[in-house]
């Protein structure tokens, strides 16, 4: 196990959003999250707690217009910070997958810390009203996952196996992502797990 903690702090400021984010991949699941979109805060909390990452997110955006910009930009910054914290990926497990239930919902996640961003979303979301106040549009769940995977440089597949409740489907997806990330970043060797010698 490496003695160097894998951490990163990132910020992003545009005319639409201002974001400060820090992550510790070798943390204990402590979170401090505020985006102005409570349901999104809840989902990001799942990433920290179930990923066993220490995660701090402070985001301000034009949620009086729509939550889209805040949600997207936060996902981008989270992906960038995650990728930076991984460093050269020496010793990581790299791959992870699993089935994750939440009541009637069942989601399958598979990922690879490949350095090659690719995203597949096989989730047919039932019709639903936005979640929370200010509202989180359920269709943004796909956008969050894609933005994160692209910015982090990972391959990510998300597939819905069963489910009717949109909240349950989205939460199972975030919890499953967190657990797979937790498994994939685990140090279990010494070298970079690639025949190329780098990821």
N, C-alpha and C. Protein backbone atom coordinates (compact mmCIF):
# COMPACT_ATOMS: atom_id res chain seq x y z
N UNK A 1 0.84 -1.20 0.00
CA UNK A 1 0.00 0.00 0.00
C UNK A 1 0.87 1.25 0.00
N UNK A 2 0.60 2.16 -0.89
CA UNK A 2 1.38 3.39 -0.96
C UNK A 2 1.14 4.25 0.28
N UNK A 3 2.20 4.96 0.70
CA UNK A 3 2.07 5.85 1.86
C UNK A 3 1.62 7.24 1.45
N UNK A 4 1.64 7.53 0.16
CA UNK A 4 1.25 8.85 -0.33
C UNK A 4 -0.25 8.89 -0.53
N UNK A 5 -0.90 9.84 0.14
CA UNK A 5 -2.35 9.95 0.02
C UNK A 5 -2.71 10.50 -1.36
N UNK A 6 -3.77 9.97 -1.90
CA UNK A 6 -4.21 10.36 -3.24
C UNK A 6 -5.32 11.39 -3.11
N UNK A 7 -4.94 12.65 -3.24
CA UNK A 7 -5.88 13.75 -3.04
C UNK A 7 -5.79 14.73 -4.20
N UNK A 8 -6.84 15.52 -4.33
CA UNK A 8 -6.83 16.59 -5.34
C UNK A 8 -7.83 17.66 -4.92
N UNK A 9 -7.52 18.89 -5.28
CA UNK A 9 -8.43 20.02 -5.08
C UNK A 9 -8.56 20.74 -6.41
N UNK A 10 -9.79 20.97 -6.84
CA UNK A 10 -10.03 21.59 -8.14
C UNK A 10 -11.08 22.69 -7.98
N UNK A 11 -11.01 23.65 -8.89
CA UNK A 11 -12.02 24.71 -8.91
C UNK A 11 -12.38 25.01 -10.36
N UNK A 12 -13.56 25.58 -10.54
CA UNK A 12 -14.03 25.97 -11.88
C UNK A 12 -14.94 27.18 -11.69
N UNK A 13 -14.70 28.21 -12.50
CA UNK A 13 -15.52 29.41 -12.40
C UNK A 13 -15.89 29.88 -13.80
N UNK A 14 -17.20 29.98 -14.05
CA UNK A 14 -17.71 30.48 -15.32
C UNK A 14 -18.77 31.54 -15.03
N UNK A 15 -19.38 32.05 -16.07
CA UNK A 15 -20.48 33.01 -15.87
C UNK A 15 -21.71 32.33 -15.27
N UNK A 16 -21.73 30.99 -15.32
CA UNK A 16 -22.90 30.25 -14.85
C UNK A 16 -22.70 29.59 -13.49
N UNK A 17 -21.46 29.20 -13.18
CA UNK A 17 -21.21 28.46 -11.93
C UNK A 17 -19.86 28.82 -11.32
N UNK A 18 -19.74 28.55 -10.04
CA UNK A 18 -18.48 28.65 -9.31
C UNK A 18 -18.39 27.44 -8.40
N UNK A 19 -17.32 26.64 -8.57
CA UNK A 19 -17.23 25.35 -7.89
C UNK A 19 -15.86 25.19 -7.25
N UNK A 20 -15.86 24.74 -6.00
CA UNK A 20 -14.64 24.37 -5.28
C UNK A 20 -14.86 22.94 -4.80
N UNK A 21 -13.90 22.05 -5.09
CA UNK A 21 -14.08 20.64 -4.77
C UNK A 21 -12.76 20.02 -4.36
N UNK A 22 -12.80 19.17 -3.34
CA UNK A 22 -11.62 18.40 -2.95
C UNK A 22 -12.02 16.96 -2.69
N UNK A 23 -11.10 16.04 -3.00
CA UNK A 23 -11.36 14.62 -2.80
C UNK A 23 -10.11 13.93 -2.28
N UNK A 24 -10.32 12.97 -1.39
CA UNK A 24 -9.26 12.13 -0.84
C UNK A 24 -9.71 10.69 -1.07
N UNK A 25 -9.03 10.01 -2.01
CA UNK A 25 -9.43 8.64 -2.34
C UNK A 25 -9.12 7.66 -1.22
N UNK A 26 -8.28 8.06 -0.29
CA UNK A 26 -7.92 7.19 0.84
C UNK A 26 -8.54 7.71 2.13
N UNK A 27 -9.73 8.26 2.01
CA UNK A 27 -10.41 8.83 3.16
C UNK A 27 -11.25 7.83 3.92
N UNK A 28 -12.27 8.34 4.59
CA UNK A 28 -13.12 7.49 5.41
C UNK A 28 -14.61 7.72 5.15
N UNK A 29 -14.92 8.40 4.03
CA UNK A 29 -16.32 8.62 3.69
C UNK A 29 -16.92 9.88 4.29
N UNK A 30 -16.08 10.82 4.72
CA UNK A 30 -16.58 12.09 5.25
C UNK A 30 -16.96 13.00 4.08
N UNK A 31 -18.13 13.62 4.17
CA UNK A 31 -18.58 14.51 3.11
C UNK A 31 -19.07 15.83 3.65
N UNK A 32 -18.91 16.86 2.84
CA UNK A 32 -19.45 18.19 3.12
C UNK A 32 -19.84 18.77 1.76
N UNK A 33 -21.11 18.69 1.43
CA UNK A 33 -21.56 18.96 0.07
C UNK A 33 -22.69 19.97 0.05
N UNK A 34 -22.53 20.98 -0.80
CA UNK A 34 -23.57 21.99 -0.97
C UNK A 34 -23.53 22.50 -2.41
N UNK A 35 -24.55 22.13 -3.19
CA UNK A 35 -24.65 22.59 -4.57
C UNK A 35 -25.86 23.48 -4.80
N UNK A 36 -26.73 23.58 -3.81
CA UNK A 36 -27.98 24.32 -3.98
C UNK A 36 -29.09 23.46 -4.56
N UNK A 37 -28.76 22.19 -4.88
CA UNK A 37 -29.74 21.24 -5.41
C UNK A 37 -29.75 20.04 -4.46
N UNK A 38 -30.68 19.99 -3.51
CA UNK A 38 -30.63 18.99 -2.43
C UNK A 38 -30.57 17.54 -2.90
N UNK A 39 -31.32 17.18 -3.93
CA UNK A 39 -31.29 15.78 -4.38
C UNK A 39 -29.89 15.45 -4.92
N UNK A 40 -29.28 16.37 -5.63
CA UNK A 40 -27.93 16.17 -6.15
C UNK A 40 -26.92 16.07 -5.01
N UNK A 41 -27.09 16.90 -3.99
CA UNK A 41 -26.24 16.80 -2.80
C UNK A 41 -26.31 15.38 -2.23
N UNK A 42 -27.52 14.84 -2.17
CA UNK A 42 -27.74 13.50 -1.64
C UNK A 42 -27.01 12.46 -2.49
N UNK A 43 -27.03 12.61 -3.80
CA UNK A 43 -26.36 11.66 -4.68
C UNK A 43 -24.83 11.78 -4.57
N UNK A 44 -24.32 12.99 -4.50
CA UNK A 44 -22.88 13.17 -4.33
C UNK A 44 -22.41 12.63 -2.98
N UNK A 45 -23.27 12.75 -1.99
CA UNK A 45 -22.98 12.18 -0.68
C UNK A 45 -22.79 10.66 -0.77
N UNK A 46 -23.59 10.03 -1.64
CA UNK A 46 -23.45 8.58 -1.84
C UNK A 46 -22.07 8.24 -2.40
N UNK A 47 -21.58 9.09 -3.32
CA UNK A 47 -20.26 8.87 -3.90
C UNK A 47 -19.19 8.87 -2.80
N UNK A 48 -19.26 9.86 -1.92
CA UNK A 48 -18.28 9.92 -0.84
C UNK A 48 -18.42 8.80 0.16
N UNK A 49 -19.61 8.61 0.65
CA UNK A 49 -19.82 7.64 1.73
C UNK A 49 -19.58 6.20 1.27
N UNK A 50 -20.16 5.83 0.13
CA UNK A 50 -20.03 4.44 -0.33
C UNK A 50 -18.72 4.21 -1.07
N UNK A 51 -18.09 5.28 -1.55
CA UNK A 51 -16.77 5.15 -2.15
C UNK A 51 -15.66 5.17 -1.11
N UNK A 52 -16.02 5.55 0.12
CA UNK A 52 -15.07 5.73 1.22
C UNK A 52 -14.07 6.83 0.90
N UNK A 53 -14.55 7.83 0.15
CA UNK A 53 -13.74 9.00 -0.18
C UNK A 53 -14.15 10.16 0.72
N UNK A 54 -13.19 10.97 1.12
CA UNK A 54 -13.53 12.24 1.75
C UNK A 54 -13.80 13.22 0.61
N UNK A 55 -14.98 13.84 0.64
CA UNK A 55 -15.40 14.67 -0.48
C UNK A 55 -16.03 15.96 0.01
N UNK A 56 -15.48 17.07 -0.45
CA UNK A 56 -16.03 18.39 -0.14
C UNK A 56 -16.40 19.07 -1.45
N UNK A 57 -17.63 19.55 -1.53
CA UNK A 57 -18.12 20.23 -2.73
C UNK A 57 -18.85 21.49 -2.31
N UNK A 58 -18.41 22.62 -2.83
CA UNK A 58 -19.11 23.89 -2.64
C UNK A 58 -19.38 24.48 -4.02
N UNK A 59 -20.64 24.50 -4.40
CA UNK A 59 -21.00 24.97 -5.74
C UNK A 59 -22.10 26.01 -5.65
N UNK A 60 -21.95 27.05 -6.47
CA UNK A 60 -22.98 28.07 -6.63
C UNK A 60 -23.23 28.23 -8.12
N UNK A 61 -24.50 28.29 -8.49
CA UNK A 61 -24.81 28.41 -9.91
C UNK A 61 -26.14 29.07 -10.15
N UNK A 62 -26.50 29.15 -11.41
CA UNK A 62 -27.72 29.85 -11.82
C UNK A 62 -28.95 28.93 -11.71
N UNK A 63 -29.15 28.39 -10.51
CA UNK A 63 -30.27 27.46 -10.31
C UNK A 63 -31.62 28.17 -10.35
N UNK A 64 -31.60 29.50 -10.32
CA UNK A 64 -32.86 30.23 -10.50
C UNK A 64 -33.35 30.08 -11.94
N UNK A 65 -32.45 29.73 -12.84
CA UNK A 65 -32.82 29.45 -14.23
C UNK A 65 -33.09 27.97 -14.41
N UNK A 66 -32.12 27.15 -13.96
CA UNK A 66 -32.19 25.71 -14.16
C UNK A 66 -31.03 25.10 -13.38
N UNK A 67 -31.17 23.86 -12.96
CA UNK A 67 -30.08 23.21 -12.23
C UNK A 67 -29.04 22.58 -13.15
N UNK A 68 -29.28 22.57 -14.44
CA UNK A 68 -28.44 21.85 -15.39
C UNK A 68 -26.97 22.28 -15.34
N UNK A 69 -26.71 23.58 -15.38
CA UNK A 69 -25.33 24.05 -15.39
C UNK A 69 -24.58 23.65 -14.13
N UNK A 70 -25.22 23.81 -12.98
CA UNK A 70 -24.59 23.47 -11.71
C UNK A 70 -24.30 21.98 -11.63
N UNK A 71 -25.27 21.17 -12.03
CA UNK A 71 -25.11 19.72 -11.99
C UNK A 71 -23.99 19.26 -12.92
N UNK A 72 -24.01 19.76 -14.15
CA UNK A 72 -23.00 19.35 -15.14
C UNK A 72 -21.60 19.79 -14.73
N UNK A 73 -21.44 21.05 -14.38
CA UNK A 73 -20.11 21.56 -14.05
C UNK A 73 -19.53 20.88 -12.82
N UNK A 74 -20.37 20.58 -11.85
CA UNK A 74 -19.89 19.87 -10.66
C UNK A 74 -19.40 18.47 -11.03
N UNK A 75 -20.12 17.79 -11.91
CA UNK A 75 -19.70 16.45 -12.35
C UNK A 75 -18.37 16.51 -13.08
N UNK A 76 -18.17 17.54 -13.90
CA UNK A 76 -16.91 17.71 -14.61
C UNK A 76 -15.76 17.91 -13.63
N UNK A 77 -15.95 18.79 -12.66
CA UNK A 77 -14.89 19.06 -11.68
C UNK A 77 -14.61 17.83 -10.84
N UNK A 78 -15.66 17.09 -10.47
CA UNK A 78 -15.46 15.85 -9.71
C UNK A 78 -14.63 14.86 -10.52
N UNK A 79 -14.93 14.72 -11.80
CA UNK A 79 -14.16 13.82 -12.65
C UNK A 79 -12.70 14.25 -12.77
N UNK A 80 -12.48 15.54 -12.96
CA UNK A 80 -11.11 16.05 -13.07
C UNK A 80 -10.33 15.79 -11.78
N UNK A 81 -10.97 16.05 -10.64
CA UNK A 81 -10.30 15.84 -9.36
C UNK A 81 -10.02 14.36 -9.12
N UNK A 82 -10.98 13.51 -9.46
CA UNK A 82 -10.80 12.07 -9.30
C UNK A 82 -9.61 11.59 -10.12
N UNK A 83 -9.55 12.01 -11.39
CA UNK A 83 -8.45 11.62 -12.26
C UNK A 83 -7.11 12.11 -11.75
N UNK A 84 -7.07 13.34 -11.25
CA UNK A 84 -5.82 13.89 -10.72
C UNK A 84 -5.38 13.14 -9.48
N UNK A 85 -6.33 12.83 -8.61
CA UNK A 85 -6.01 12.13 -7.37
C UNK A 85 -5.46 10.73 -7.63
N UNK A 86 -5.88 10.11 -8.71
CA UNK A 86 -5.40 8.76 -9.05
C UNK A 86 -3.91 8.75 -9.40
N UNK A 87 -3.41 9.87 -9.89
CA UNK A 87 -2.00 9.93 -10.26
C UNK A 87 -1.66 8.95 -11.38
N UNK A 88 -0.56 8.20 -11.24
CA UNK A 88 -0.15 7.28 -12.31
C UNK A 88 -0.85 5.93 -12.21
N UNK A 89 -1.72 5.76 -11.21
CA UNK A 89 -2.53 4.55 -11.02
C UNK A 89 -1.72 3.31 -10.68
N UNK A 90 -0.50 3.50 -10.23
CA UNK A 90 0.33 2.35 -9.88
C UNK A 90 -0.32 1.51 -8.78
N UNK A 91 -0.46 0.21 -9.06
CA UNK A 91 -0.97 -0.73 -8.07
C UNK A 91 -2.46 -0.84 -7.94
N UNK A 92 -3.24 -0.01 -8.66
CA UNK A 92 -4.69 -0.06 -8.50
C UNK A 92 -5.26 -1.34 -9.12
N UNK A 93 -6.44 -1.74 -8.64
CA UNK A 93 -7.11 -2.91 -9.19
C UNK A 93 -7.57 -2.66 -10.62
N UNK A 94 -7.93 -1.43 -10.91
CA UNK A 94 -8.31 -0.93 -12.24
C UNK A 94 -9.74 -1.25 -12.63
N UNK A 95 -10.14 -2.51 -12.63
CA UNK A 95 -11.49 -2.91 -13.05
C UNK A 95 -12.39 -3.15 -11.84
N UNK A 96 -13.70 -2.90 -12.03
CA UNK A 96 -14.67 -3.25 -11.00
C UNK A 96 -16.06 -3.33 -11.62
N UNK A 97 -16.88 -4.17 -11.06
CA UNK A 97 -18.26 -4.30 -11.55
C UNK A 97 -19.13 -4.92 -10.46
N UNK A 98 -20.44 -4.80 -10.64
CA UNK A 98 -21.35 -5.40 -9.68
C UNK A 98 -22.79 -5.06 -9.96
N UNK A 99 -23.68 -5.75 -9.25
CA UNK A 99 -25.11 -5.50 -9.27
C UNK A 99 -25.50 -4.84 -7.96
N UNK A 100 -26.28 -3.76 -8.06
CA UNK A 100 -26.60 -2.96 -6.88
C UNK A 100 -28.10 -2.73 -6.76
N UNK A 101 -28.71 -3.28 -5.71
CA UNK A 101 -30.16 -3.12 -5.52
C UNK A 101 -30.52 -1.96 -4.60
N UNK A 102 -31.67 -1.38 -4.83
CA UNK A 102 -32.30 -0.48 -3.87
C UNK A 102 -33.80 -0.74 -3.97
N UNK A 103 -34.32 -1.47 -3.03
CA UNK A 103 -35.71 -1.93 -3.07
C UNK A 103 -35.98 -2.64 -4.40
N UNK A 104 -36.91 -2.16 -5.20
CA UNK A 104 -37.27 -2.86 -6.45
C UNK A 104 -36.29 -2.59 -7.58
N UNK A 105 -35.42 -1.60 -7.42
CA UNK A 105 -34.48 -1.23 -8.47
C UNK A 105 -33.21 -2.07 -8.38
N UNK A 106 -32.69 -2.44 -9.56
CA UNK A 106 -31.45 -3.21 -9.64
C UNK A 106 -30.64 -2.65 -10.81
N UNK A 107 -29.43 -2.19 -10.50
CA UNK A 107 -28.57 -1.55 -11.50
C UNK A 107 -27.24 -2.28 -11.56
N UNK A 108 -26.75 -2.48 -12.78
CA UNK A 108 -25.44 -3.08 -12.99
C UNK A 108 -24.44 -2.00 -13.41
N UNK A 109 -23.29 -1.99 -12.76
CA UNK A 109 -22.22 -1.04 -13.06
C UNK A 109 -20.96 -1.83 -13.41
N UNK A 110 -20.27 -1.40 -14.45
CA UNK A 110 -18.95 -1.94 -14.77
C UNK A 110 -18.06 -0.78 -15.20
N UNK A 111 -16.83 -0.76 -14.70
CA UNK A 111 -15.94 0.34 -15.06
C UNK A 111 -14.49 -0.10 -15.14
N UNK A 112 -13.71 0.72 -15.82
CA UNK A 112 -12.29 0.49 -16.04
C UNK A 112 -11.59 1.84 -15.94
N UNK A 113 -10.59 1.93 -15.09
CA UNK A 113 -9.80 3.15 -14.96
C UNK A 113 -8.80 3.19 -16.11
N UNK A 114 -9.30 3.19 -17.31
CA UNK A 114 -8.53 2.92 -18.52
C UNK A 114 -7.72 4.10 -19.03
N UNK A 115 -8.10 5.31 -18.67
CA UNK A 115 -7.52 6.48 -19.29
C UNK A 115 -8.16 6.80 -20.63
N UNK A 116 -9.13 5.96 -21.04
CA UNK A 116 -9.86 6.15 -22.29
C UNK A 116 -11.33 6.38 -21.96
N UNK A 117 -11.79 7.61 -21.96
CA UNK A 117 -13.17 7.88 -21.59
C UNK A 117 -14.16 7.26 -22.57
N UNK A 118 -15.09 6.49 -22.03
CA UNK A 118 -16.16 5.90 -22.83
C UNK A 118 -17.33 5.67 -21.89
N UNK A 119 -18.54 5.89 -22.40
CA UNK A 119 -19.71 5.83 -21.52
C UNK A 119 -20.87 5.16 -22.23
N UNK A 120 -21.50 4.22 -21.54
CA UNK A 120 -22.70 3.54 -22.05
C UNK A 120 -23.77 3.60 -20.97
N UNK A 121 -24.96 4.05 -21.35
CA UNK A 121 -26.08 4.22 -20.41
C UNK A 121 -27.28 3.45 -20.96
N UNK A 122 -27.53 2.29 -20.41
CA UNK A 122 -28.69 1.48 -20.79
C UNK A 122 -29.71 1.53 -19.66
N UNK A 123 -30.28 2.70 -19.46
CA UNK A 123 -31.24 2.92 -18.38
C UNK A 123 -32.47 3.60 -18.97
N UNK A 124 -33.53 2.84 -19.09
CA UNK A 124 -34.79 3.41 -19.57
C UNK A 124 -35.55 3.95 -18.36
N UNK A 125 -35.51 5.26 -18.21
CA UNK A 125 -36.07 5.90 -17.02
C UNK A 125 -37.59 6.04 -17.14
N UNK A 126 -38.34 5.59 -16.14
CA UNK A 126 -39.78 5.81 -16.17
C UNK A 126 -40.11 7.30 -16.15
N UNK A 127 -41.29 7.65 -16.60
CA UNK A 127 -41.74 9.05 -16.52
C UNK A 127 -41.75 9.49 -15.07
N UNK A 128 -41.24 10.68 -14.83
CA UNK A 128 -41.16 11.15 -13.44
C UNK A 128 -41.10 12.66 -13.39
N UNK A 129 -41.62 13.20 -12.31
CA UNK A 129 -41.50 14.63 -12.07
C UNK A 129 -40.11 14.90 -11.50
N UNK A 130 -39.59 16.11 -11.65
CA UNK A 130 -38.29 16.46 -11.06
C UNK A 130 -38.28 16.20 -9.56
N UNK A 131 -37.10 15.89 -9.05
CA UNK A 131 -36.93 15.48 -7.66
C UNK A 131 -36.38 16.63 -6.82
N UNK A 132 -37.07 16.96 -5.73
CA UNK A 132 -36.58 17.95 -4.79
C UNK A 132 -36.89 19.38 -5.20
N UNK A 133 -36.44 20.32 -4.33
CA UNK A 133 -36.63 21.75 -4.55
C UNK A 133 -35.38 22.50 -4.10
N UNK A 134 -34.71 23.23 -5.00
CA UNK A 134 -34.94 23.32 -6.44
C UNK A 134 -34.84 21.95 -7.10
N UNK A 135 -35.51 21.77 -8.24
CA UNK A 135 -35.66 20.43 -8.80
C UNK A 135 -34.41 19.88 -9.49
N UNK A 136 -34.25 18.56 -9.36
CA UNK A 136 -33.26 17.81 -10.11
C UNK A 136 -34.01 17.02 -11.16
N UNK A 137 -33.78 17.32 -12.43
CA UNK A 137 -34.42 16.61 -13.53
C UNK A 137 -33.81 15.21 -13.61
N UNK A 138 -34.61 14.13 -13.49
CA UNK A 138 -34.06 12.78 -13.52
C UNK A 138 -33.21 12.48 -14.75
N UNK A 139 -33.49 13.15 -15.87
CA UNK A 139 -32.69 12.90 -17.07
C UNK A 139 -31.25 13.37 -16.91
N UNK A 140 -30.99 14.22 -15.90
CA UNK A 140 -29.63 14.69 -15.66
C UNK A 140 -28.73 13.60 -15.08
N UNK A 141 -29.31 12.52 -14.56
CA UNK A 141 -28.48 11.44 -14.00
C UNK A 141 -27.53 10.90 -15.05
N UNK A 142 -28.02 10.69 -16.25
CA UNK A 142 -27.18 10.22 -17.34
C UNK A 142 -26.08 11.23 -17.64
N UNK A 143 -26.43 12.49 -17.65
CA UNK A 143 -25.47 13.54 -17.97
C UNK A 143 -24.37 13.62 -16.91
N UNK A 144 -24.74 13.44 -15.65
CA UNK A 144 -23.75 13.44 -14.57
C UNK A 144 -22.74 12.33 -14.78
N UNK A 145 -23.26 11.11 -15.02
CA UNK A 145 -22.38 9.96 -15.19
C UNK A 145 -21.45 10.15 -16.39
N UNK A 146 -21.99 10.65 -17.50
CA UNK A 146 -21.18 10.84 -18.70
C UNK A 146 -20.12 11.92 -18.48
N UNK A 147 -20.51 13.03 -17.87
CA UNK A 147 -19.57 14.13 -17.62
C UNK A 147 -18.45 13.67 -16.69
N UNK A 148 -18.81 12.93 -15.66
CA UNK A 148 -17.81 12.42 -14.71
C UNK A 148 -16.85 11.46 -15.41
N UNK A 149 -17.39 10.48 -16.14
CA UNK A 149 -16.56 9.47 -16.80
C UNK A 149 -15.60 10.11 -17.80
N UNK A 150 -16.10 11.07 -18.57
CA UNK A 150 -15.27 11.73 -19.57
C UNK A 150 -14.14 12.52 -18.91
N UNK A 151 -14.49 13.31 -17.89
CA UNK A 151 -13.48 14.13 -17.22
C UNK A 151 -12.48 13.29 -16.45
N UNK A 152 -12.92 12.15 -15.92
CA UNK A 152 -12.03 11.28 -15.13
C UNK A 152 -11.20 10.36 -16.01
N UNK A 153 -11.59 10.21 -17.29
CA UNK A 153 -10.87 9.33 -18.19
C UNK A 153 -11.11 7.86 -17.89
N UNK A 154 -12.37 7.51 -17.59
CA UNK A 154 -12.68 6.12 -17.30
C UNK A 154 -13.72 5.59 -18.29
N UNK A 155 -13.75 4.28 -18.42
CA UNK A 155 -14.81 3.61 -19.17
C UNK A 155 -15.88 3.20 -18.17
N UNK A 156 -17.13 3.57 -18.45
CA UNK A 156 -18.22 3.33 -17.51
C UNK A 156 -19.46 2.84 -18.23
N UNK A 157 -19.98 1.70 -17.79
CA UNK A 157 -21.23 1.15 -18.30
C UNK A 157 -22.25 1.09 -17.16
N UNK A 158 -23.45 1.59 -17.42
CA UNK A 158 -24.54 1.56 -16.45
C UNK A 158 -25.76 0.95 -17.12
N UNK A 159 -26.29 -0.12 -16.51
CA UNK A 159 -27.45 -0.81 -17.10
C UNK A 159 -28.50 -1.06 -16.04
N UNK A 160 -29.73 -0.73 -16.36
CA UNK A 160 -30.86 -1.00 -15.47
C UNK A 160 -31.38 -2.40 -15.71
N UNK A 161 -31.40 -3.21 -14.65
CA UNK A 161 -31.91 -4.57 -14.75
C UNK A 161 -33.38 -4.65 -14.35
N UNK A 162 -33.77 -3.81 -13.41
CA UNK A 162 -35.16 -3.79 -12.95
C UNK A 162 -35.39 -2.50 -12.17
N UNK A 163 -36.64 -2.05 -12.15
CA UNK A 163 -36.95 -0.86 -11.36
C UNK A 163 -38.09 -0.05 -11.91
N UNK A 164 -38.86 0.56 -11.01
CA UNK A 164 -39.99 1.40 -11.39
C UNK A 164 -39.91 2.78 -10.76
N UNK A 165 -39.26 2.88 -9.61
CA UNK A 165 -39.18 4.15 -8.89
C UNK A 165 -37.92 4.90 -9.33
N UNK A 166 -38.11 6.10 -9.89
CA UNK A 166 -36.99 6.85 -10.45
C UNK A 166 -35.95 7.20 -9.38
N UNK A 167 -36.40 7.60 -8.21
CA UNK A 167 -35.47 7.91 -7.12
C UNK A 167 -34.60 6.70 -6.82
N UNK A 168 -35.22 5.53 -6.71
CA UNK A 168 -34.48 4.31 -6.39
C UNK A 168 -33.48 3.97 -7.50
N UNK A 169 -33.89 4.12 -8.75
CA UNK A 169 -33.01 3.81 -9.88
C UNK A 169 -31.78 4.71 -9.87
N UNK A 170 -32.00 6.00 -9.69
CA UNK A 170 -30.87 6.94 -9.70
C UNK A 170 -29.97 6.70 -8.50
N UNK A 171 -30.54 6.49 -7.33
CA UNK A 171 -29.72 6.29 -6.14
C UNK A 171 -28.93 4.99 -6.22
N UNK A 172 -29.54 3.93 -6.74
CA UNK A 172 -28.81 2.67 -6.91
C UNK A 172 -27.64 2.86 -7.87
N UNK A 173 -27.84 3.70 -8.90
CA UNK A 173 -26.78 3.98 -9.86
C UNK A 173 -25.60 4.69 -9.20
N UNK A 174 -25.89 5.68 -8.39
CA UNK A 174 -24.82 6.42 -7.72
C UNK A 174 -24.11 5.57 -6.67
N UNK A 175 -24.89 4.79 -5.91
CA UNK A 175 -24.27 3.91 -4.92
C UNK A 175 -23.40 2.86 -5.60
N UNK A 176 -23.91 2.30 -6.71
CA UNK A 176 -23.14 1.31 -7.44
C UNK A 176 -21.87 1.89 -8.02
N UNK A 177 -21.95 3.10 -8.57
CA UNK A 177 -20.76 3.77 -9.08
C UNK A 177 -19.74 3.95 -7.96
N UNK A 178 -20.21 4.40 -6.81
CA UNK A 178 -19.31 4.62 -5.67
C UNK A 178 -18.60 3.35 -5.26
N UNK A 179 -19.35 2.25 -5.14
CA UNK A 179 -18.73 1.00 -4.71
C UNK A 179 -17.74 0.47 -5.74
N UNK A 180 -18.06 0.64 -7.03
CA UNK A 180 -17.12 0.20 -8.07
C UNK A 180 -15.86 1.05 -8.08
N UNK A 181 -16.02 2.35 -7.90
CA UNK A 181 -14.85 3.22 -7.81
C UNK A 181 -13.98 2.83 -6.61
N UNK A 182 -14.63 2.55 -5.51
CA UNK A 182 -13.92 2.13 -4.30
C UNK A 182 -13.08 0.88 -4.56
N UNK A 183 -13.68 -0.09 -5.25
CA UNK A 183 -12.97 -1.33 -5.56
C UNK A 183 -11.84 -1.09 -6.56
N UNK A 184 -12.11 -0.28 -7.59
CA UNK A 184 -11.15 -0.09 -8.68
C UNK A 184 -9.90 0.67 -8.23
N UNK A 185 -10.04 1.61 -7.29
CA UNK A 185 -8.88 2.41 -6.87
C UNK A 185 -8.06 1.72 -5.79
N UNK A 186 -8.55 0.59 -5.29
CA UNK A 186 -7.85 -0.11 -4.22
C UNK A 186 -6.45 -0.53 -4.68
N UNK A 187 -5.47 -0.29 -3.83
CA UNK A 187 -4.09 -0.67 -4.15
C UNK A 187 -3.89 -2.13 -3.77
N UNK A 188 -3.47 -2.94 -4.75
CA UNK A 188 -3.22 -4.35 -4.46
C UNK A 188 -1.95 -4.87 -5.13
N UNK A 189 -1.22 -3.98 -5.78
CA UNK A 189 0.03 -4.38 -6.43
C UNK A 189 1.01 -3.24 -6.41
N UNK A 190 2.07 -3.36 -7.25
CA UNK A 190 3.06 -2.31 -7.27
C UNK A 190 3.15 -1.57 -8.60
N UNK A 191 2.87 -2.26 -9.68
CA UNK A 191 3.02 -1.64 -10.98
C UNK A 191 1.70 -1.15 -11.55
N UNK A 192 1.79 -0.48 -12.70
CA UNK A 192 0.60 -0.02 -13.39
C UNK A 192 -0.04 -1.23 -14.09
N UNK A 193 -1.34 -1.49 -13.83
CA UNK A 193 -1.98 -2.69 -14.37
C UNK A 193 -2.35 -2.55 -15.85
N UNK A 194 -1.34 -2.51 -16.71
CA UNK A 194 -1.56 -2.39 -18.15
C UNK A 194 -0.35 -2.94 -18.88
N UNK A 195 -0.59 -3.65 -19.98
CA UNK A 195 0.52 -4.15 -20.80
C UNK A 195 1.26 -3.00 -21.47
N UNK A 196 0.64 -1.84 -21.55
CA UNK A 196 1.28 -0.66 -22.14
C UNK A 196 2.27 0.00 -21.18
N UNK A 197 2.11 -0.31 -19.89
CA UNK A 197 2.96 0.31 -18.89
C UNK A 197 2.44 1.60 -18.33
N UNK A 198 1.30 2.05 -18.87
CA UNK A 198 0.65 3.26 -18.36
C UNK A 198 -0.83 3.21 -18.66
N UNK A 199 -1.60 3.97 -17.88
CA UNK A 199 -3.05 4.09 -18.07
C UNK A 199 -3.39 5.56 -18.27
